[in-house]
Amino acid sequence: MSRKRRSFSAGFKAKVALAAAKGDKTLAELASQYEVYPNQISAWKKQLLEGMGGLFEDGRQRKLPEDEPQTAQLYEQIGRLKVELDWLKKKSAESGDG
């Protein structure tokens, strides 16, 4: 009989990865404490360390210049569609009255 695959919450992963990053206990000790494989703890620790820089990024910074042309194009398309919609509403109202 095979074991059912377990899934872990993001909070649990963060707690285990942080404990591994602290270095107070070995991977084997953490693995037995949290009942996960040491390789999994290493992967979570690596993911934590790689993603830590993103935690302190300023969300108020300008978007990358590569996004601006696409954004401008989408706003232009929205404007055209709004004009078409207004025109269709006007024509529909005129034909309904007549």
C-alpha atoms as a PDB file:
ATOM      1  CA  MET A   1       0.000   0.000   0.000  1.00  0.00           C
ATOM      2  CA  SER A   2       1.438   3.366  -0.994  1.00  0.00           C
ATOM      3  CA  ARG A   3       1.576   6.432   1.200  1.00  0.00           C
ATOM      4  CA  LYS A   4      -0.699   9.307   0.412  1.00  0.00           C
ATOM      5  CA  ARG A   5       1.147  12.418  -0.718  1.00  0.00           C
ATOM      6  CA  ARG A   6       1.243  15.102   1.953  1.00  0.00           C
ATOM      7  CA  SER A   7       0.955  18.795   1.278  1.00  0.00           C
ATOM      8  CA  PHE A   8       2.270  21.496   3.568  1.00  0.00           C
ATOM      9  CA  SER A   9       1.026  25.014   4.100  1.00  0.00           C
ATOM     10  CA  ALA A  10       3.195  27.983   3.232  1.00  0.00           C
ATOM     11  CA  GLY A  11       3.392  28.912   6.903  1.00  0.00           C
ATOM     12  CA  PHE A  12       4.701  25.481   7.857  1.00  0.00           C
ATOM     13  CA  LYS A  13       7.298  25.572   5.090  1.00  0.00           C
ATOM     14  CA  ALA A  14       8.428  29.023   6.193  1.00  0.00           C
ATOM     15  CA  LYS A  15       8.715  27.933   9.817  1.00  0.00           C
ATOM     16  CA  VAL A  16      10.811  24.871   8.929  1.00  0.00           C
ATOM     17  CA  ALA A  17      12.990  26.793   6.451  1.00  0.00           C
ATOM     18  CA  LEU A  18      13.606  29.548   8.983  1.00  0.00           C
ATOM     19  CA  ALA A  19      14.596  26.979  11.605  1.00  0.00           C
ATOM     20  CA  ALA A  20      17.028  25.473   9.098  1.00  0.00           C
ATOM     21  CA  ALA A  21      18.430  28.892   8.217  1.00  0.00           C
ATOM     22  CA  LYS A  22      19.062  29.668  11.883  1.00  0.00           C
ATOM     23  CA  GLY A  23      21.370  26.674  12.079  1.00  0.00           C
ATOM     24  CA  ASP A  24      20.617  25.839  15.712  1.00  0.00           C
ATOM     25  CA  LYS A  25      19.746  22.232  14.810  1.00  0.00           C
ATOM     26  CA  THR A  26      21.002  19.885  12.119  1.00  0.00           C
ATOM     27  CA  LEU A  27      18.864  18.923   9.151  1.00  0.00           C
ATOM     28  CA  ALA A  28      18.440  15.451  10.612  1.00  0.00           C
ATOM     29  CA  GLU A  29      17.156  16.885  13.897  1.00  0.00           C
ATOM     30  CA  LEU A  30      14.749  19.195  12.090  1.00  0.00           C
ATOM     31  CA  ALA A  31      13.594  16.358   9.849  1.00  0.00           C
ATOM     32  CA  SER A  32      12.671  14.178  12.800  1.00  0.00           C
ATOM     33  CA  GLN A  33      11.084  17.086  14.671  1.00  0.00           C
ATOM     34  CA  TYR A  34       8.865  18.180  11.765  1.00  0.00           C
ATOM     35  CA  GLU A  35       8.523  14.700  10.187  1.00  0.00           C
ATOM     36  CA  VAL A  36       9.775  15.690   6.742  1.00  0.00           C
ATOM     37  CA  TYR A  37      12.764  14.577   4.697  1.00  0.00           C
ATOM     38  CA  PRO A  38      16.058  16.483   5.099  1.00  0.00           C
ATOM     39  CA  ASN A  39      16.195  17.049   1.319  1.00  0.00           C
ATOM     40  CA  GLN A  40      12.819  18.783   1.492  1.00  0.00           C
ATOM     41  CA  ILE A  41      14.054  21.049   4.286  1.00  0.00           C
ATOM     42  CA  SER A  42      17.116  21.929   2.214  1.00  0.00           C
ATOM     43  CA  ALA A  43      14.921  22.824  -0.755  1.00  0.00           C
ATOM     44  CA  TRP A  44      12.673  25.021   1.390  1.00  0.00           C
ATOM     45  CA  LYS A  45      15.690  26.707   2.961  1.00  0.00           C
ATOM     46  CA  LYS A  46      17.161  27.418  -0.491  1.00  0.00           C
ATOM     47  CA  GLN A  47      13.821  28.842  -1.659  1.00  0.00           C
ATOM     48  CA  LEU A  48      13.639  31.029   1.458  1.00  0.00           C
ATOM     49  CA  LEU A  49      17.139  32.411   1.004  1.00  0.00           C
ATOM     50  CA  GLU A  50      16.623  33.104  -2.714  1.00  0.00           C
ATOM     51  CA  GLY A  51      13.305  34.873  -2.152  1.00  0.00           C
ATOM     52  CA  MET A  52      14.287  37.015   0.807  1.00  0.00           C
ATOM     53  CA  GLY A  53      15.380  39.924  -1.376  1.00  0.00           C
ATOM     54  CA  GLY A  54      11.850  40.279  -2.734  1.00  0.00           C
ATOM     55  CA  LEU A  55      10.461  40.876   0.744  1.00  0.00           C
ATOM     56  CA  PHE A  56      12.084  44.276   0.974  1.00  0.00           C
ATOM     57  CA  GLU A  57      11.426  45.548  -2.531  1.00  0.00           C
ATOM     58  CA  ASP A  58       9.576  48.832  -2.717  1.00  0.00           C
ATOM     59  CA  GLY A  59       6.157  48.253  -4.252  1.00  0.00           C
ATOM     60  CA  ARG A  60       5.905  51.934  -5.119  1.00  0.00           C
ATOM     61  CA  GLN A  61       8.676  51.799  -7.699  1.00  0.00           C
ATOM     62  CA  ARG A  62       7.833  52.469 -11.317  1.00  0.00           C
ATOM     63  CA  LYS A  63       7.037  49.537 -13.522  1.00  0.00           C
ATOM     64  CA  LEU A  64       9.716  48.265 -15.819  1.00  0.00           C
ATOM     65  CA  PRO A  65       9.941  50.187 -19.104  1.00  0.00           C
ATOM     66  CA  GLU A  66       9.158  47.009 -21.055  1.00  0.00           C
ATOM     67  CA  ASP A  67       5.622  47.006 -19.600  1.00  0.00           C
ATOM     68  CA  GLU A  68       4.810  50.564 -20.668  1.00  0.00           C
ATOM     69  CA  PRO A  69       4.213  49.983 -24.418  1.00  0.00           C
ATOM     70  CA  GLN A  70       1.829  47.124 -23.716  1.00  0.00           C
ATOM     71  CA  THR A  71      -0.009  49.172 -21.110  1.00  0.00           C
ATOM     72  CA  ALA A  72      -0.347  52.120 -23.495  1.00  0.00           C
ATOM     73  CA  GLN A  73      -1.623  49.816 -26.223  1.00  0.00           C
ATOM     74  CA  LEU A  74      -4.223  48.320 -23.889  1.00  0.00           C
ATOM     75  CA  TYR A  75      -5.447  51.760 -22.791  1.00  0.00           C
ATOM     76  CA  GLU A  76      -5.757  52.761 -26.444  1.00  0.00           C
ATOM     77  CA  GLN A  77      -7.820  49.660 -27.163  1.00  0.00           C
ATOM     78  CA  ILE A  78     -10.052  50.345 -24.146  1.00  0.00           C
ATOM     79  CA  GLY A  79     -10.667  53.863 -25.432  1.00  0.00           C
ATOM     80  CA  ARG A  80     -11.622  52.613 -28.899  1.00  0.00           C
ATOM     81  CA  LEU A  81     -13.986  50.022 -27.460  1.00  0.00           C
ATOM     82  CA  LYS A  82     -15.640  52.617 -25.238  1.00  0.00           C
ATOM     83  CA  VAL A  83     -16.232  54.920 -28.201  1.00  0.00           C
ATOM     84  CA  GLU A  84     -17.716  52.011 -30.189  1.00  0.00           C
ATOM     85  CA  LEU A  85     -19.943  51.040 -27.268  1.00  0.00           C
ATOM     86  CA  ASP A  86     -21.205  54.601 -26.842  1.00  0.00           C
ATOM     87  CA  TRP A  87     -21.917  54.815 -30.597  1.00  0.00           C
ATOM     88  CA  LEU A  88     -23.813  51.510 -30.536  1.00  0.00           C
ATOM     89  CA  LYS A  89     -25.854  52.612 -27.518  1.00  0.00           C
ATOM     90  CA  LYS A  90     -26.749  55.864 -29.310  1.00  0.00           C
ATOM     91  CA  LYS A  91     -27.771  54.065 -32.524  1.00  0.00           C
ATOM     92  CA  SER A  92     -29.762  51.495 -30.559  1.00  0.00           C
ATOM     93  CA  ALA A  93     -31.653  54.247 -28.754  1.00  0.00           C
ATOM     94  CA  GLU A  94     -32.333  56.071 -32.048  1.00  0.00           C
ATOM     95  CA  SER A  95     -33.653  52.955 -33.774  1.00  0.00           C
ATOM     96  CA  GLY A  96     -35.825  52.125 -30.748  1.00  0.00           C
ATOM     97  CA  ASP A  97     -37.488  55.559 -30.817  1.00  0.00           C
ATOM     98  CA  GLY A  98     -38.173  55.547 -34.563  1.00  0.00           C
END
